[in-house]
C-alpha atoms as a PDB file:
ATOM      1  CA  MET A   1      25.111  50.978 -62.385  1.00  0.00           C
ATOM      2  CA  ASN A   2      27.022  48.424 -64.441  1.00  0.00           C
ATOM      3  CA  ILE A   3      26.028  44.825 -65.129  1.00  0.00           C
ATOM      4  CA  ALA A   4      28.089  43.404 -62.255  1.00  0.00           C
ATOM      5  CA  GLN A   5      26.597  45.888 -59.799  1.00  0.00           C
ATOM      6  CA  PHE A   6      23.109  45.074 -61.059  1.00  0.00           C
ATOM      7  CA  LYS A   7      23.611  41.320 -60.655  1.00  0.00           C
ATOM      8  CA  ALA A   8      25.054  41.857 -57.190  1.00  0.00           C
ATOM      9  CA  ALA A   9      22.134  44.109 -56.221  1.00  0.00           C
ATOM     10  CA  VAL A  10      19.604  41.535 -57.424  1.00  0.00           C
ATOM     11  CA  ASN A  11      21.313  39.067 -55.091  1.00  0.00           C
ATOM     12  CA  CYS A  12      21.507  41.612 -52.226  1.00  0.00           C
ATOM     13  CA  SER A  13      25.291  41.765 -52.397  1.00  0.00           C
ATOM     14  CA  THR A  14      28.061  44.293 -53.087  1.00  0.00           C
ATOM     15  CA  VAL A  15      30.799  44.152 -55.732  1.00  0.00           C
ATOM     16  CA  PHE A  16      34.221  44.110 -54.066  1.00  0.00           C
ATOM     17  CA  PHE A  17      37.681  44.513 -55.598  1.00  0.00           C
ATOM     18  CA  ASP A  18      40.457  42.113 -54.583  1.00  0.00           C
ATOM     19  CA  GLU A  19      43.705  44.133 -54.759  1.00  0.00           C
ATOM     20  CA  ASN A  20      45.868  40.994 -54.730  1.00  0.00           C
ATOM     21  CA  MET A  21      44.018  39.345 -57.624  1.00  0.00           C
ATOM     22  CA  GLY A  22      43.201  42.553 -59.491  1.00  0.00           C
ATOM     23  CA  ALA A  23      39.671  41.299 -59.909  1.00  0.00           C
ATOM     24  CA  SER A  24      36.164  42.219 -58.863  1.00  0.00           C
ATOM     25  CA  TYR A  25      33.735  39.788 -57.278  1.00  0.00           C
ATOM     26  CA  PHE A  26      30.575  39.398 -55.282  1.00  0.00           C
ATOM     27  CA  THR A  27      29.101  36.605 -53.207  1.00  0.00           C
ATOM     28  CA  TYR A  28      25.573  35.428 -52.618  1.00  0.00           C
ATOM     29  CA  ASN A  29      23.737  32.455 -51.170  1.00  0.00           C
ATOM     30  CA  SER A  30      20.949  30.523 -52.782  1.00  0.00           C
ATOM     31  CA  GLU A  31      20.926  26.865 -51.826  1.00  0.00           C
ATOM     32  CA  ASN A  32      24.737  27.039 -51.701  1.00  0.00           C
ATOM     33  CA  PRO A  33      27.217  29.910 -51.337  1.00  0.00           C
ATOM     34  CA  HIS A  34      28.425  31.381 -54.641  1.00  0.00           C
ATOM     35  CA  LEU A  35      31.494  33.464 -55.476  1.00  0.00           C
ATOM     36  CA  VAL A  36      31.157  35.349 -58.765  1.00  0.00           C
ATOM     37  CA  TRP A  37      34.193  36.981 -60.416  1.00  0.00           C
ATOM     38  CA  VAL A  38      33.256  39.840 -62.759  1.00  0.00           C
ATOM     39  CA  GLU A  39      34.976  42.028 -65.322  1.00  0.00           C
ATOM     40  CA  ASP A  40      34.120  45.563 -64.321  1.00  0.00           C
ATOM     41  CA  THR A  41      35.911  48.859 -64.885  1.00  0.00           C
ATOM     42  CA  ARG A  42      38.331  48.340 -61.998  1.00  0.00           C
ATOM     43  CA  ALA A  43      39.326  44.833 -63.105  1.00  0.00           C
ATOM     44  CA  ILE A  44      39.835  45.833 -66.737  1.00  0.00           C
ATOM     45  CA  ALA A  45      41.827  48.932 -65.779  1.00  0.00           C
ATOM     46  CA  TYR A  46      44.015  46.806 -63.485  1.00  0.00           C
ATOM     47  CA  LYS A  47      44.730  44.293 -66.259  1.00  0.00           C
ATOM     48  CA  HIS A  48      45.550  46.981 -68.803  1.00  0.00           C
ATOM     49  CA  ASN A  49      47.864  48.784 -66.382  1.00  0.00           C
ATOM     50  CA  LEU A  50      49.605  45.478 -65.635  1.00  0.00           C
ATOM     51  CA  ILE A  51      50.060  44.816 -69.356  1.00  0.00           C
ATOM     52  CA  LYS A  52      51.426  48.314 -69.968  1.00  0.00           C
ATOM     53  CA  SER A  53      53.841  48.025 -67.036  1.00  0.00           C
ATOM     54  CA  ALA A  54      55.195  44.797 -68.563  1.00  0.00           C
ATOM     55  CA  GLY A  55      56.000  46.707 -71.760  1.00  0.00           C
ATOM     56  CA  PHE A  56      53.380  45.183 -74.038  1.00  0.00           C
ATOM     57  CA  LYS A  57      51.836  47.508 -76.622  1.00  0.00           C
ATOM     58  CA  GLY A  58      48.335  46.076 -76.309  1.00  0.00           C
ATOM     59  CA  ILE A  59      46.193  42.987 -76.013  1.00  0.00           C
ATOM     60  CA  TYR A  60      43.390  41.194 -77.815  1.00  0.00           C
ATOM     61  CA  TRP A  61      40.178  40.791 -75.816  1.00  0.00           C
ATOM     62  CA  GLU A  62      38.214  37.674 -76.785  1.00  0.00           C
ATOM     63  CA  ASN A  63      34.929  38.544 -75.084  1.00  0.00           C
ATOM     64  CA  PRO A  64      33.547  41.907 -76.263  1.00  0.00           C
ATOM     65  CA  TYR A  65      30.699  41.776 -73.725  1.00  0.00           C
ATOM     66  CA  CYS A  66      33.099  42.490 -70.869  1.00  0.00           C
ATOM     67  CA  LEU A  67      33.832  45.885 -72.438  1.00  0.00           C
ATOM     68  CA  LEU A  68      30.437  47.352 -71.606  1.00  0.00           C
ATOM     69  CA  GLU A  69      29.104  49.817 -69.074  1.00  0.00           C
ATOM     70  CA  GLY A  70      31.805  52.417 -68.701  1.00  0.00           C
ATOM     71  CA  ASN A  71      34.749  50.149 -69.407  1.00  0.00           C
ATOM     72  CA  TRP A  72      35.521  52.022 -72.633  1.00  0.00           C
ATOM     73  CA  GLU A  73      35.898  55.186 -70.555  1.00  0.00           C
ATOM     74  CA  ALA A  74      38.427  53.431 -68.318  1.00  0.00           C
ATOM     75  CA  LEU A  75      40.415  52.211 -71.317  1.00  0.00           C
ATOM     76  CA  THR A  76      40.324  55.633 -72.936  1.00  0.00           C
ATOM     77  CA  ALA A  77      41.663  57.218 -69.735  1.00  0.00           C
ATOM     78  CA  ILE A  78      44.459  54.648 -69.530  1.00  0.00           C
ATOM     79  CA  TYR A  79      45.608  55.125 -73.104  1.00  0.00           C
ATOM     80  CA  LYS A  80      45.341  58.928 -73.045  1.00  0.00           C
ATOM     81  CA  LYS A  81      47.975  58.890 -70.274  1.00  0.00           C
ATOM     82  CA  ALA A  82      50.423  57.037 -72.533  1.00  0.00           C
END
């Protein structure tokens, strides 16, 4: 279970992937409805594949915390295919 899945589970929700946005999210209600966008393996893989398809050689990622919980495995798989 990654961090996004854990946070969603704590809030009795499920992490979904929006194919159009290339991003993962979950929703929950407390006093108000919340929509939470998260960087999980699917979202990071989507972004890296988009960058590679545009012909860029790589990117700089500002927030190292989003590269946790299996995301390194996704990146490794992407770049081994190159």
